[in-house]
């Protein structure tokens, strides 16, 4: 038998070699990644995601060299085989990039509520970029001059960006809010204008804040990113609750402090707002026109709890002061005429 009669054996050997190489490389990749890094969900899924596309790459390359050994395929057709398989490899490369990118986004962003919503849109952006670059490479492989096309697309992109300037501004501001997380869904915030409420949604164009009267404030992200926002939920929701009080100059300040702290402790305990390692206290602050002023420092679990605690504390403190004979004064003015008679 002549050399041409063994073509089928050469085809099988070439194709089988690449097929075997693909399987061995897939196994090596799997074992290498598991040894390289600690066992995580990423390592568990990455070999499965890469395995099939990389195996197809070996199959395509092997098929390319194997078909060149088939004698009855015309030479004119064989000349185009490398071109055809190059196009297939470009498409496979785009598929691999998209799949790996999706897995990385899900691995790092899915565990976090704030970034989970970013996964679909960034997956679409990555997919569009990967296939667009693959399209340009295919045109280049086919001999098409893409310089003019790229320049035209650049000009068109500038025009579109200018037309969508406001939308893009909102989009990137929303991206900043979602990535930096200065505010999060569920946080209680106060805007520059004094509006307060809970963050109920951080979208791409705007952020929605629900006020305590159950009204919704819609703030464009570009404005929100540029203003000073007080976040009462960071670094943690627990915070101090301050109540200002004044007592008569005739009061025994030691007794006032003792009674006030007792009322504060009992009120916090009654409302289930006790904190380990924290005791309420008072600090005298100033001599007022008609009273000695001080601040009572208590603690609440979140911002809105201070309304209930202040409400209950004032009632309990007023009652206890009356029982203890502690006077909460109020300004009184008496006007006298020069002849000594009171003015009616």
Foldseek 3Di string as FASTA:
>chain_A
DDPLVCLVVVLCVLLVVLLVVLVVVLVVVLVVLCVVDPDDPLSVCLSVLVNVLSSVLSNLVSNLVSVVSNVVDDPVVNVCSVLVSVLVVLVSVLSSQLSNVLSVQCVPQVVDPLRVVVSVVVSVVSSVVSVVVSVVVNCVSVPHDCPVVVVVVVVVVVVVCVVCVLLVLLQVLLVCCSPVVPDDQQWWKAWPVGFIFGFHDRDRFWTWGAGPVGDIDTGGSNVVSVTDMGTCCPPHFKDKQKDKAWFAPPDDVVVVFVLLQVLLVVLCVVVVNDDPPDGKGKDFDDADPGTGMIMIIDMGRHDVVSVVSVVSSVVSSVVVCVVVVIGRDDDDDWDADPVGDGDD
